[in-house]
N, C-alpha and C. Protein backbone atom coordinates (compact mmCIF):
# COMPACT_ATOMS: atom_id res chain seq x y z
N MET A 1 0.85 -1.18 0.00
CA MET A 1 0.00 0.00 0.00
C MET A 1 0.89 1.24 0.00
N ILE A 2 0.60 2.18 -0.88
CA ILE A 2 1.43 3.37 -1.02
C ILE A 2 0.57 4.62 -0.78
N LEU A 3 1.02 5.46 0.13
CA LEU A 3 0.35 6.73 0.39
C LEU A 3 1.12 7.85 -0.29
N TYR A 4 0.49 8.49 -1.26
CA TYR A 4 1.06 9.68 -1.89
C TYR A 4 0.66 10.86 -1.02
N ASP A 5 1.65 11.58 -0.54
CA ASP A 5 1.52 12.36 0.68
C ASP A 5 2.28 13.68 0.53
N TYR A 6 1.90 14.67 1.33
CA TYR A 6 2.74 15.84 1.55
C TYR A 6 2.70 16.13 3.04
N PHE A 7 3.84 16.31 3.65
CA PHE A 7 3.91 16.34 5.11
C PHE A 7 3.04 17.42 5.73
N ARG A 8 2.84 18.55 5.04
CA ARG A 8 2.09 19.64 5.63
C ARG A 8 0.63 19.67 5.18
N SER A 9 0.22 18.77 4.33
CA SER A 9 -1.19 18.68 3.93
C SER A 9 -2.02 18.14 5.09
N SER A 10 -3.01 18.91 5.52
CA SER A 10 -3.84 18.43 6.63
C SER A 10 -4.69 17.24 6.22
N ALA A 11 -5.09 17.17 4.95
CA ALA A 11 -5.87 16.03 4.48
C ALA A 11 -5.01 14.76 4.51
N ALA A 12 -3.76 14.86 4.06
CA ALA A 12 -2.86 13.71 4.13
C ALA A 12 -2.54 13.35 5.58
N TYR A 13 -2.40 14.36 6.43
CA TYR A 13 -2.16 14.16 7.86
C TYR A 13 -3.26 13.29 8.46
N ARG A 14 -4.51 13.54 8.09
CA ARG A 14 -5.62 12.72 8.60
C ARG A 14 -5.43 11.25 8.25
N VAL A 15 -5.06 11.00 7.01
CA VAL A 15 -4.90 9.61 6.57
C VAL A 15 -3.71 8.96 7.25
N ARG A 16 -2.63 9.70 7.46
CA ARG A 16 -1.50 9.15 8.21
C ARG A 16 -1.94 8.72 9.61
N ILE A 17 -2.73 9.56 10.27
CA ILE A 17 -3.23 9.21 11.60
C ILE A 17 -4.04 7.91 11.54
N ALA A 18 -4.98 7.84 10.60
CA ALA A 18 -5.86 6.66 10.50
C ALA A 18 -5.05 5.40 10.23
N LEU A 19 -4.10 5.48 9.31
CA LEU A 19 -3.25 4.32 9.01
C LEU A 19 -2.48 3.89 10.25
N ASN A 20 -1.97 4.86 11.01
CA ASN A 20 -1.23 4.53 12.23
C ASN A 20 -2.12 3.92 13.30
N LEU A 21 -3.30 4.50 13.49
CA LEU A 21 -4.22 3.96 14.50
C LEU A 21 -4.58 2.51 14.20
N LYS A 22 -4.73 2.20 12.91
CA LYS A 22 -5.12 0.85 12.52
C LYS A 22 -3.91 -0.05 12.25
N ASP A 23 -2.72 0.53 12.40
CA ASP A 23 -1.47 -0.23 12.23
C ASP A 23 -1.42 -0.92 10.87
N VAL A 24 -1.76 -0.16 9.83
CA VAL A 24 -1.77 -0.69 8.46
C VAL A 24 -0.40 -0.43 7.83
N PRO A 25 0.30 -1.46 7.40
CA PRO A 25 1.61 -1.25 6.76
C PRO A 25 1.44 -0.46 5.46
N HIS A 26 2.31 0.52 5.27
CA HIS A 26 2.23 1.33 4.05
C HIS A 26 3.56 2.02 3.81
N GLU A 27 3.73 2.47 2.59
CA GLU A 27 4.91 3.23 2.19
C GLU A 27 4.45 4.63 1.84
N ARG A 28 5.22 5.63 2.25
CA ARG A 28 4.88 7.01 1.93
C ARG A 28 5.75 7.51 0.79
N ARG A 29 5.13 8.23 -0.14
CA ARG A 29 5.87 8.87 -1.22
C ARG A 29 5.45 10.33 -1.30
N GLU A 30 6.44 11.20 -1.33
CA GLU A 30 6.21 12.63 -1.27
C GLU A 30 5.70 13.20 -2.59
N VAL A 31 4.65 14.00 -2.49
CA VAL A 31 4.18 14.83 -3.60
C VAL A 31 4.28 16.26 -3.09
N HIS A 32 5.31 16.97 -3.50
CA HIS A 32 5.62 18.28 -2.92
C HIS A 32 4.69 19.34 -3.52
N LEU A 33 3.73 19.78 -2.72
CA LEU A 33 2.71 20.70 -3.23
C LEU A 33 3.28 22.07 -3.56
N VAL A 34 4.22 22.55 -2.79
CA VAL A 34 4.78 23.88 -3.04
C VAL A 34 5.59 23.89 -4.33
N LYS A 35 6.25 22.77 -4.63
CA LYS A 35 7.03 22.67 -5.86
C LYS A 35 6.17 22.34 -7.08
N GLY A 36 4.89 22.01 -6.84
CA GLY A 36 3.99 21.73 -7.96
C GLY A 36 3.96 20.30 -8.42
N ASP A 37 4.47 19.35 -7.61
CA ASP A 37 4.47 17.95 -8.01
C ASP A 37 3.06 17.42 -8.29
N GLN A 38 2.05 18.03 -7.65
CA GLN A 38 0.68 17.56 -7.81
C GLN A 38 0.14 17.79 -9.22
N ARG A 39 0.80 18.64 -9.99
CA ARG A 39 0.36 18.90 -11.36
C ARG A 39 1.11 18.07 -12.40
N SER A 40 1.96 17.17 -11.93
CA SER A 40 2.70 16.32 -12.86
C SER A 40 1.75 15.33 -13.52
N ASP A 41 2.11 14.88 -14.71
CA ASP A 41 1.28 13.89 -15.41
C ASP A 41 1.13 12.62 -14.58
N ALA A 42 2.22 12.22 -13.92
CA ALA A 42 2.18 10.99 -13.13
C ALA A 42 1.17 11.10 -12.00
N HIS A 43 1.15 12.25 -11.31
CA HIS A 43 0.21 12.36 -10.19
C HIS A 43 -1.23 12.56 -10.67
N LEU A 44 -1.41 13.32 -11.75
CA LEU A 44 -2.76 13.50 -12.27
C LEU A 44 -3.35 12.18 -12.77
N ALA A 45 -2.49 11.26 -13.20
CA ALA A 45 -2.98 9.93 -13.59
C ALA A 45 -3.47 9.16 -12.37
N ARG A 46 -2.87 9.43 -11.22
CA ARG A 46 -3.32 8.79 -9.98
C ARG A 46 -4.58 9.45 -9.45
N ASN A 47 -4.58 10.78 -9.46
CA ASN A 47 -5.69 11.55 -8.91
C ASN A 47 -5.96 12.74 -9.82
N PRO A 48 -6.99 12.69 -10.64
CA PRO A 48 -7.26 13.77 -11.60
C PRO A 48 -7.46 15.13 -10.95
N GLN A 49 -7.80 15.17 -9.66
CA GLN A 49 -7.92 16.46 -8.98
C GLN A 49 -6.56 17.09 -8.70
N GLY A 50 -5.51 16.28 -8.72
CA GLY A 50 -4.19 16.78 -8.40
C GLY A 50 -4.00 17.08 -6.93
N PHE A 51 -4.71 16.36 -6.07
CA PHE A 51 -4.62 16.57 -4.64
C PHE A 51 -3.84 15.43 -3.99
N VAL A 52 -3.46 15.63 -2.74
CA VAL A 52 -3.09 14.56 -1.84
C VAL A 52 -4.08 14.61 -0.68
N PRO A 53 -4.31 13.46 -0.06
CA PRO A 53 -3.66 12.17 -0.25
C PRO A 53 -4.25 11.39 -1.43
N ALA A 54 -3.44 10.43 -1.89
CA ALA A 54 -3.91 9.39 -2.79
C ALA A 54 -3.34 8.08 -2.25
N LEU A 55 -4.17 7.08 -2.11
CA LEU A 55 -3.75 5.82 -1.51
C LEU A 55 -3.87 4.71 -2.55
N ASP A 56 -2.72 4.20 -2.96
CA ASP A 56 -2.67 3.08 -3.90
C ASP A 56 -2.82 1.80 -3.10
N ILE A 57 -3.94 1.10 -3.31
CA ILE A 57 -4.22 -0.10 -2.52
C ILE A 57 -3.90 -1.37 -3.30
N GLY A 58 -3.26 -1.20 -4.47
CA GLY A 58 -2.90 -2.36 -5.29
C GLY A 58 -3.98 -2.70 -6.29
N GLY A 59 -3.61 -3.56 -7.23
CA GLY A 59 -4.58 -3.98 -8.23
C GLY A 59 -5.03 -2.86 -9.14
N GLY A 60 -4.21 -1.82 -9.26
CA GLY A 60 -4.58 -0.70 -10.12
C GLY A 60 -5.60 0.25 -9.51
N ARG A 61 -5.89 0.12 -8.21
CA ARG A 61 -6.88 0.97 -7.55
C ARG A 61 -6.19 2.03 -6.69
N VAL A 62 -6.56 3.28 -6.93
CA VAL A 62 -6.03 4.39 -6.14
C VAL A 62 -7.22 5.15 -5.57
N LEU A 63 -7.23 5.33 -4.26
CA LEU A 63 -8.31 6.04 -3.59
C LEU A 63 -7.89 7.49 -3.34
N SER A 64 -8.84 8.40 -3.41
CA SER A 64 -8.57 9.81 -3.13
C SER A 64 -9.61 10.34 -2.16
N GLN A 65 -9.38 11.56 -1.70
CA GLN A 65 -10.21 12.24 -0.71
C GLN A 65 -10.08 11.57 0.67
N SER A 66 -9.62 12.33 1.64
CA SER A 66 -9.30 11.75 2.95
C SER A 66 -10.49 11.07 3.60
N LEU A 67 -11.68 11.66 3.51
CA LEU A 67 -12.84 11.04 4.13
C LEU A 67 -13.17 9.70 3.48
N ALA A 68 -13.12 9.65 2.15
CA ALA A 68 -13.39 8.40 1.45
C ALA A 68 -12.35 7.34 1.79
N ILE A 69 -11.10 7.75 1.88
CA ILE A 69 -10.03 6.81 2.22
C ILE A 69 -10.25 6.25 3.62
N ILE A 70 -10.59 7.12 4.57
CA ILE A 70 -10.77 6.65 5.95
C ILE A 70 -12.01 5.77 6.06
N GLU A 71 -13.06 6.07 5.32
CA GLU A 71 -14.23 5.18 5.31
C GLU A 71 -13.84 3.80 4.78
N TRP A 72 -13.02 3.77 3.73
CA TRP A 72 -12.56 2.49 3.19
C TRP A 72 -11.70 1.74 4.21
N LEU A 73 -10.81 2.46 4.88
CA LEU A 73 -9.99 1.83 5.90
C LEU A 73 -10.85 1.26 7.02
N ASP A 74 -11.89 2.00 7.42
CA ASP A 74 -12.75 1.53 8.50
C ASP A 74 -13.49 0.25 8.10
N ALA A 75 -13.87 0.16 6.83
CA ALA A 75 -14.57 -1.04 6.35
C ALA A 75 -13.61 -2.21 6.18
N THR A 76 -12.37 -1.90 5.82
CA THR A 76 -11.40 -2.96 5.50
C THR A 76 -10.60 -3.40 6.72
N TYR A 77 -10.31 -2.46 7.59
CA TYR A 77 -9.56 -2.72 8.83
C TYR A 77 -10.40 -2.17 9.98
N PRO A 78 -11.40 -2.90 10.43
CA PRO A 78 -12.41 -2.32 11.31
C PRO A 78 -11.96 -1.97 12.73
N GLU A 79 -10.79 -2.38 13.14
CA GLU A 79 -10.35 -2.07 14.51
C GLU A 79 -9.07 -1.23 14.48
N PRO A 80 -9.03 -0.20 15.29
CA PRO A 80 -10.14 0.38 16.06
C PRO A 80 -11.08 1.15 15.15
N ARG A 81 -12.36 1.07 15.43
CA ARG A 81 -13.35 1.73 14.59
C ARG A 81 -13.27 3.24 14.78
N LEU A 82 -13.30 3.95 13.67
CA LEU A 82 -13.23 5.41 13.70
C LEU A 82 -14.58 6.07 13.43
N ILE A 83 -15.45 5.38 12.71
CA ILE A 83 -16.78 5.91 12.39
C ILE A 83 -17.81 5.03 13.10
N PRO A 84 -18.58 5.59 14.03
CA PRO A 84 -19.51 4.76 14.80
C PRO A 84 -20.53 4.04 13.92
N LEU A 85 -20.95 2.86 14.38
CA LEU A 85 -21.98 2.11 13.66
C LEU A 85 -23.38 2.61 13.98
N ASP A 86 -23.59 3.05 15.22
CA ASP A 86 -24.91 3.56 15.60
C ASP A 86 -25.26 4.78 14.75
N PRO A 87 -26.44 4.78 14.12
CA PRO A 87 -26.76 5.86 13.19
C PRO A 87 -26.70 7.27 13.78
N LEU A 88 -27.21 7.45 15.00
CA LEU A 88 -27.19 8.78 15.60
C LEU A 88 -25.78 9.21 15.96
N ALA A 89 -25.02 8.28 16.54
CA ALA A 89 -23.63 8.60 16.89
C ALA A 89 -22.82 8.87 15.62
N ARG A 90 -23.09 8.10 14.58
CA ARG A 90 -22.39 8.31 13.31
C ARG A 90 -22.70 9.70 12.76
N ALA A 91 -23.97 10.09 12.78
CA ALA A 91 -24.35 11.39 12.24
C ALA A 91 -23.68 12.52 13.01
N ALA A 92 -23.66 12.42 14.34
CA ALA A 92 -23.05 13.47 15.16
C ALA A 92 -21.54 13.55 14.92
N THR A 93 -20.91 12.40 14.81
CA THR A 93 -19.47 12.35 14.60
C THR A 93 -19.10 12.88 13.22
N MET A 94 -19.84 12.46 12.21
CA MET A 94 -19.54 12.91 10.86
C MET A 94 -19.80 14.41 10.70
N ALA A 95 -20.79 14.93 11.42
CA ALA A 95 -21.05 16.37 11.37
C ALA A 95 -19.84 17.14 11.89
N MET A 96 -19.22 16.65 12.97
CA MET A 96 -18.04 17.32 13.50
C MET A 96 -16.87 17.23 12.52
N ALA A 97 -16.65 16.04 11.97
CA ALA A 97 -15.56 15.87 11.01
C ALA A 97 -15.77 16.75 9.78
N LEU A 98 -17.00 16.79 9.29
CA LEU A 98 -17.28 17.56 8.08
C LEU A 98 -17.24 19.07 8.33
N SER A 99 -17.47 19.50 9.56
CA SER A 99 -17.35 20.93 9.85
C SER A 99 -15.93 21.41 9.60
N ILE A 100 -14.98 20.48 9.73
CA ILE A 100 -13.59 20.79 9.40
C ILE A 100 -13.33 20.56 7.92
N ALA A 101 -13.67 19.36 7.44
CA ALA A 101 -13.32 18.96 6.08
C ALA A 101 -14.04 19.78 5.02
N ALA A 102 -15.28 20.17 5.29
CA ALA A 102 -16.09 20.86 4.27
C ALA A 102 -16.17 22.36 4.48
N ASP A 103 -15.97 22.82 5.71
CA ASP A 103 -16.22 24.23 6.00
C ASP A 103 -14.96 25.04 6.32
N ILE A 104 -14.03 24.47 7.09
CA ILE A 104 -12.82 25.21 7.43
C ILE A 104 -11.73 24.99 6.39
N HIS A 105 -11.41 23.73 6.17
CA HIS A 105 -10.24 23.39 5.36
C HIS A 105 -10.28 23.94 3.93
N PRO A 106 -11.40 23.82 3.20
CA PRO A 106 -11.38 24.30 1.81
C PRO A 106 -11.08 25.79 1.67
N LEU A 107 -11.51 26.58 2.65
CA LEU A 107 -11.27 28.02 2.58
C LEU A 107 -9.80 28.39 2.84
N ASN A 108 -9.08 27.49 3.49
CA ASN A 108 -7.70 27.77 3.85
C ASN A 108 -6.71 26.90 3.09
N ASN A 109 -7.18 26.25 2.05
CA ASN A 109 -6.32 25.40 1.24
C ASN A 109 -5.25 26.23 0.55
N LEU A 110 -4.12 25.60 0.23
CA LEU A 110 -3.00 26.30 -0.40
C LEU A 110 -3.44 27.02 -1.68
N ARG A 111 -4.26 26.38 -2.50
CA ARG A 111 -4.63 27.01 -3.77
C ARG A 111 -5.52 28.24 -3.54
N VAL A 112 -6.31 28.25 -2.46
CA VAL A 112 -7.12 29.42 -2.14
C VAL A 112 -6.23 30.56 -1.68
N LEU A 113 -5.26 30.25 -0.83
CA LEU A 113 -4.33 31.29 -0.36
C LEU A 113 -3.54 31.88 -1.53
N LYS A 114 -3.14 31.03 -2.47
CA LYS A 114 -2.43 31.54 -3.65
C LYS A 114 -3.33 32.43 -4.49
N ARG A 115 -4.61 32.08 -4.59
CA ARG A 115 -5.55 32.88 -5.37
C ARG A 115 -5.79 34.24 -4.71
N LEU A 116 -5.85 34.25 -3.38
CA LEU A 116 -5.99 35.52 -2.67
C LEU A 116 -4.83 36.45 -3.00
N GLU A 117 -3.65 35.86 -3.12
CA GLU A 117 -2.47 36.66 -3.44
C GLU A 117 -2.48 37.13 -4.89
N SER A 118 -2.76 36.20 -5.82
CA SER A 118 -2.64 36.55 -7.23
C SER A 118 -3.78 37.43 -7.72
N GLN A 119 -5.00 37.21 -7.22
CA GLN A 119 -6.14 37.96 -7.73
C GLN A 119 -6.41 39.23 -6.93
N PHE A 120 -6.16 39.18 -5.62
CA PHE A 120 -6.53 40.31 -4.77
C PHE A 120 -5.34 40.99 -4.12
N GLY A 121 -4.14 40.50 -4.39
CA GLY A 121 -2.95 41.16 -3.86
C GLY A 121 -2.73 40.97 -2.38
N ALA A 122 -3.29 39.94 -1.80
CA ALA A 122 -3.14 39.71 -0.36
C ALA A 122 -1.68 39.40 -0.03
N ASP A 123 -1.14 40.09 0.97
CA ASP A 123 0.21 39.79 1.42
C ASP A 123 0.16 38.70 2.49
N GLU A 124 1.33 38.35 3.05
CA GLU A 124 1.37 37.26 4.02
C GLU A 124 0.52 37.55 5.25
N ALA A 125 0.53 38.80 5.71
CA ALA A 125 -0.26 39.16 6.88
C ALA A 125 -1.75 39.02 6.60
N ALA A 126 -2.19 39.44 5.42
CA ALA A 126 -3.60 39.34 5.06
C ALA A 126 -4.03 37.88 4.93
N LYS A 127 -3.17 37.07 4.34
CA LYS A 127 -3.50 35.65 4.20
C LYS A 127 -3.58 34.97 5.56
N ALA A 128 -2.69 35.33 6.47
CA ALA A 128 -2.73 34.76 7.82
C ALA A 128 -4.00 35.18 8.56
N ASP A 129 -4.40 36.44 8.36
CA ASP A 129 -5.64 36.92 9.00
C ASP A 129 -6.85 36.18 8.45
N TRP A 130 -6.88 35.96 7.13
CA TRP A 130 -7.93 35.16 6.49
C TRP A 130 -7.97 33.77 7.11
N TYR A 131 -6.82 33.16 7.24
CA TYR A 131 -6.72 31.79 7.78
C TYR A 131 -7.29 31.74 9.19
N ARG A 132 -6.85 32.66 10.04
CA ARG A 132 -7.32 32.67 11.43
C ARG A 132 -8.82 32.92 11.53
N HIS A 133 -9.33 33.79 10.66
CA HIS A 133 -10.76 34.10 10.69
C HIS A 133 -11.61 32.85 10.50
N TRP A 134 -11.29 32.04 9.48
CA TRP A 134 -12.12 30.88 9.18
C TRP A 134 -11.91 29.75 10.18
N ILE A 135 -10.71 29.65 10.73
CA ILE A 135 -10.53 28.68 11.81
C ILE A 135 -11.35 29.10 13.02
N GLY A 136 -11.31 30.37 13.35
CA GLY A 136 -12.07 30.86 14.50
C GLY A 136 -13.56 30.63 14.35
N GLU A 137 -14.10 30.93 13.18
CA GLU A 137 -15.53 30.70 12.96
C GLU A 137 -15.87 29.22 13.05
N GLY A 138 -15.05 28.39 12.40
CA GLY A 138 -15.32 26.96 12.40
C GLY A 138 -15.16 26.34 13.77
N PHE A 139 -14.14 26.74 14.51
CA PHE A 139 -13.92 26.18 15.84
C PHE A 139 -14.99 26.62 16.83
N THR A 140 -15.53 27.82 16.65
CA THR A 140 -16.62 28.25 17.52
C THR A 140 -17.81 27.31 17.40
N ALA A 141 -18.15 26.97 16.16
CA ALA A 141 -19.26 26.03 15.94
C ALA A 141 -18.89 24.63 16.42
N LEU A 142 -17.67 24.19 16.14
CA LEU A 142 -17.26 22.84 16.53
C LEU A 142 -17.21 22.68 18.05
N GLU A 143 -16.77 23.71 18.76
CA GLU A 143 -16.77 23.65 20.22
C GLU A 143 -18.18 23.44 20.75
N ALA A 144 -19.16 24.15 20.18
CA ALA A 144 -20.55 23.98 20.60
C ALA A 144 -21.07 22.60 20.23
N MET A 145 -20.71 22.10 19.05
CA MET A 145 -21.13 20.76 18.64
C MET A 145 -20.56 19.69 19.57
N ALA A 146 -19.30 19.85 19.95
CA ALA A 146 -18.67 18.88 20.84
C ALA A 146 -19.35 18.89 22.21
N ALA A 147 -19.69 20.08 22.70
CA ALA A 147 -20.39 20.17 23.99
C ALA A 147 -21.76 19.53 23.92
N ALA A 148 -22.47 19.74 22.81
CA ALA A 148 -23.80 19.15 22.65
C ALA A 148 -23.73 17.64 22.52
N ASN A 149 -22.63 17.15 21.97
CA ASN A 149 -22.47 15.70 21.80
C ASN A 149 -22.33 15.00 23.14
N ALA A 150 -21.81 15.71 24.13
CA ALA A 150 -21.72 15.23 25.51
C ALA A 150 -20.99 13.90 25.63
N ALA A 151 -19.95 13.70 24.81
CA ALA A 151 -19.12 12.50 24.96
C ALA A 151 -18.33 12.61 26.26
N PRO A 152 -18.03 11.48 26.91
CA PRO A 152 -17.37 11.53 28.22
C PRO A 152 -15.93 12.02 28.18
N GLY A 153 -15.34 12.13 27.00
CA GLY A 153 -13.98 12.62 26.88
C GLY A 153 -12.95 11.55 27.22
N PRO A 154 -11.67 11.86 27.09
CA PRO A 154 -11.10 13.19 26.78
C PRO A 154 -11.12 13.55 25.30
N PHE A 155 -11.49 12.57 24.44
CA PHE A 155 -11.49 12.81 23.00
C PHE A 155 -12.87 13.29 22.55
N LEU A 156 -12.96 13.84 21.36
CA LEU A 156 -14.27 14.13 20.78
C LEU A 156 -15.06 12.84 20.62
N GLY A 157 -14.37 11.75 20.38
CA GLY A 157 -15.02 10.44 20.25
C GLY A 157 -15.34 9.78 21.57
N GLY A 158 -15.03 10.41 22.69
CA GLY A 158 -15.29 9.82 24.00
C GLY A 158 -14.00 9.34 24.64
N THR A 159 -14.00 8.09 25.06
CA THR A 159 -12.82 7.55 25.73
C THR A 159 -11.75 7.09 24.76
N ALA A 160 -12.08 7.05 23.48
CA ALA A 160 -11.11 6.70 22.44
C ALA A 160 -11.32 7.64 21.26
N PRO A 161 -10.28 7.94 20.50
CA PRO A 161 -10.44 8.86 19.37
C PRO A 161 -11.26 8.24 18.25
N ASN A 162 -12.00 9.09 17.55
CA ASN A 162 -12.70 8.63 16.35
C ASN A 162 -12.38 9.61 15.21
N ILE A 163 -13.15 9.54 14.15
CA ILE A 163 -12.83 10.34 12.97
C ILE A 163 -12.89 11.84 13.25
N ALA A 164 -13.70 12.27 14.21
CA ALA A 164 -13.73 13.69 14.55
C ALA A 164 -12.38 14.13 15.09
N ASP A 165 -11.75 13.31 15.92
CA ASP A 165 -10.42 13.62 16.44
C ASP A 165 -9.37 13.56 15.33
N VAL A 166 -9.51 12.60 14.43
CA VAL A 166 -8.58 12.46 13.31
C VAL A 166 -8.59 13.72 12.45
N PHE A 167 -9.74 14.33 12.29
CA PHE A 167 -9.84 15.57 11.52
C PHE A 167 -9.45 16.79 12.35
N LEU A 168 -9.73 16.75 13.65
CA LEU A 168 -9.43 17.90 14.51
C LEU A 168 -7.93 18.16 14.63
N VAL A 169 -7.16 17.13 14.88
CA VAL A 169 -5.74 17.32 15.22
C VAL A 169 -4.96 18.06 14.12
N PRO A 170 -5.10 17.69 12.84
CA PRO A 170 -4.40 18.48 11.82
C PRO A 170 -4.85 19.94 11.77
N GLN A 171 -6.14 20.19 12.02
CA GLN A 171 -6.60 21.58 11.99
C GLN A 171 -6.08 22.36 13.18
N MET A 172 -5.92 21.68 14.33
CA MET A 172 -5.32 22.34 15.49
C MET A 172 -3.85 22.67 15.21
N TYR A 173 -3.17 21.77 14.54
CA TYR A 173 -1.77 22.04 14.16
C TYR A 173 -1.71 23.30 13.29
N ASN A 174 -2.60 23.39 12.31
CA ASN A 174 -2.63 24.57 11.45
C ASN A 174 -3.00 25.83 12.22
N ALA A 175 -3.93 25.69 13.16
CA ALA A 175 -4.34 26.84 13.96
C ALA A 175 -3.15 27.42 14.72
N ARG A 176 -2.36 26.55 15.31
CA ARG A 176 -1.18 27.02 16.05
C ARG A 176 -0.12 27.57 15.10
N ARG A 177 0.01 26.97 13.94
CA ARG A 177 0.99 27.45 12.97
C ARG A 177 0.70 28.89 12.56
N PHE A 178 -0.58 29.25 12.53
CA PHE A 178 -0.97 30.60 12.14
C PHE A 178 -1.35 31.46 13.35
N ASP A 179 -0.92 31.02 14.55
CA ASP A 179 -1.10 31.82 15.78
C ASP A 179 -2.56 32.16 16.06
N THR A 180 -3.43 31.19 15.86
CA THR A 180 -4.85 31.39 16.14
C THR A 180 -5.11 31.30 17.64
N PRO A 181 -5.75 32.28 18.27
CA PRO A 181 -6.08 32.17 19.70
C PRO A 181 -7.02 30.99 19.94
N LEU A 182 -6.73 30.19 20.97
CA LEU A 182 -7.50 28.97 21.21
C LEU A 182 -8.18 28.93 22.58
N ASP A 183 -8.09 30.03 23.34
CA ASP A 183 -8.65 30.02 24.70
C ASP A 183 -10.15 29.76 24.72
N ALA A 184 -10.84 30.12 23.64
CA ALA A 184 -12.30 29.96 23.61
C ALA A 184 -12.73 28.54 23.28
N PHE A 185 -11.77 27.63 23.09
CA PHE A 185 -12.12 26.30 22.62
C PHE A 185 -11.54 25.21 23.54
N PRO A 186 -11.90 25.21 24.83
CA PRO A 186 -11.28 24.28 25.78
C PRO A 186 -11.53 22.81 25.47
N THR A 187 -12.70 22.49 24.93
CA THR A 187 -12.99 21.08 24.60
C THR A 187 -12.09 20.61 23.47
N LEU A 188 -11.89 21.44 22.47
CA LEU A 188 -11.04 21.08 21.35
C LEU A 188 -9.59 20.98 21.78
N VAL A 189 -9.14 21.91 22.61
CA VAL A 189 -7.76 21.88 23.10
C VAL A 189 -7.52 20.62 23.93
N ALA A 190 -8.49 20.25 24.75
CA ALA A 190 -8.33 19.05 25.57
C ALA A 190 -8.28 17.79 24.72
N ALA A 191 -9.12 17.71 23.69
CA ALA A 191 -9.11 16.54 22.81
C ALA A 191 -7.79 16.45 22.05
N ASP A 192 -7.30 17.59 21.60
CA ASP A 192 -6.02 17.62 20.90
C ASP A 192 -4.88 17.19 21.83
N ALA A 193 -4.91 17.64 23.07
CA ALA A 193 -3.88 17.26 24.03
C ALA A 193 -3.92 15.76 24.32
N ALA A 194 -5.11 15.20 24.41
CA ALA A 194 -5.23 13.76 24.64
C ALA A 194 -4.66 12.98 23.45
N ALA A 195 -4.95 13.46 22.24
CA ALA A 195 -4.41 12.81 21.05
C ALA A 195 -2.90 12.87 21.04
N GLY A 196 -2.35 13.95 21.58
CA GLY A 196 -0.90 14.12 21.60
C GLY A 196 -0.17 13.15 22.50
N THR A 197 -0.90 12.36 23.28
CA THR A 197 -0.28 11.33 24.12
C THR A 197 -0.21 9.98 23.41
N LEU A 198 -0.80 9.90 22.20
CA LEU A 198 -0.85 8.63 21.47
C LEU A 198 0.17 8.62 20.34
N ASP A 199 0.94 7.55 20.26
CA ASP A 199 1.99 7.45 19.25
C ASP A 199 1.45 7.59 17.83
N ALA A 200 0.24 7.09 17.58
CA ALA A 200 -0.32 7.13 16.23
C ALA A 200 -0.50 8.57 15.75
N PHE A 201 -0.85 9.46 16.64
CA PHE A 201 -1.01 10.87 16.28
C PHE A 201 0.35 11.56 16.20
N VAL A 202 1.21 11.29 17.16
CA VAL A 202 2.52 11.94 17.19
C VAL A 202 3.32 11.61 15.93
N ALA A 203 3.35 10.34 15.56
CA ALA A 203 4.15 9.91 14.40
C ALA A 203 3.62 10.47 13.09
N ALA A 204 2.34 10.85 13.06
CA ALA A 204 1.74 11.40 11.84
C ALA A 204 1.96 12.90 11.70
N SER A 205 2.42 13.56 12.77
CA SER A 205 2.57 15.01 12.76
C SER A 205 3.55 15.46 11.69
N PRO A 206 3.30 16.62 11.08
CA PRO A 206 4.27 17.17 10.13
C PRO A 206 5.67 17.33 10.71
N ASP A 207 5.75 17.51 12.02
CA ASP A 207 7.06 17.65 12.67
C ASP A 207 7.90 16.38 12.51
N TRP A 208 7.20 15.23 12.44
CA TRP A 208 7.88 13.94 12.27
C TRP A 208 7.82 13.43 10.85
N ALA A 209 6.78 13.82 10.13
CA ALA A 209 6.58 13.30 8.78
C ALA A 209 7.37 14.07 7.72
N LYS A 210 7.94 15.21 8.09
CA LYS A 210 8.67 16.04 7.13
C LYS A 210 9.86 15.27 6.58
N PRO A 211 10.03 15.25 5.26
CA PRO A 211 11.18 14.55 4.67
C PRO A 211 12.49 15.15 5.17
N GLN A 212 13.45 14.28 5.42
CA GLN A 212 14.76 14.72 5.93
C GLN A 212 15.69 15.05 4.75
């Protein structure tokens, strides 16, 4: 199994976490987004969107989109389960994960930040302010969703991490990278801290996954 990856991609970071939690053997291959490797013919043949992650599972099959990949992993390697089987718990968990994947992350993607610069002349300070704004809005809603979910903690998934935590941790990493104030989000900070005690999350971090 081959994961086409970029160390700082939050979507790829999610898949690294899931693979580690499930202890799935895999090989990582770098697709350097800043250098434009994602636009190469070879990568576009793997993933026509030109995104990472892309997971080659053999037999000529390559999976894309982090949520789809993690759903496949959950079906193929069911332990530990990341997406609850109970319909109500599943809906609540997926709503939290999607609040990051569908609402925060797309607005702060590298190609959006580049477009802000090229079309509107945004400098680094303006792009950072844009980034913090959308994280702040998204985290405000996610903090309320986590409180309403009333999981026993310390994770968003309760006593063990689930897909909501898998999506939260990379976004928390990005929030700190852009100096986003986090005092208003104690539930999210606590879940992130709990994840930071687990090897599966630590080993997936860009701090460790960065090519040497």
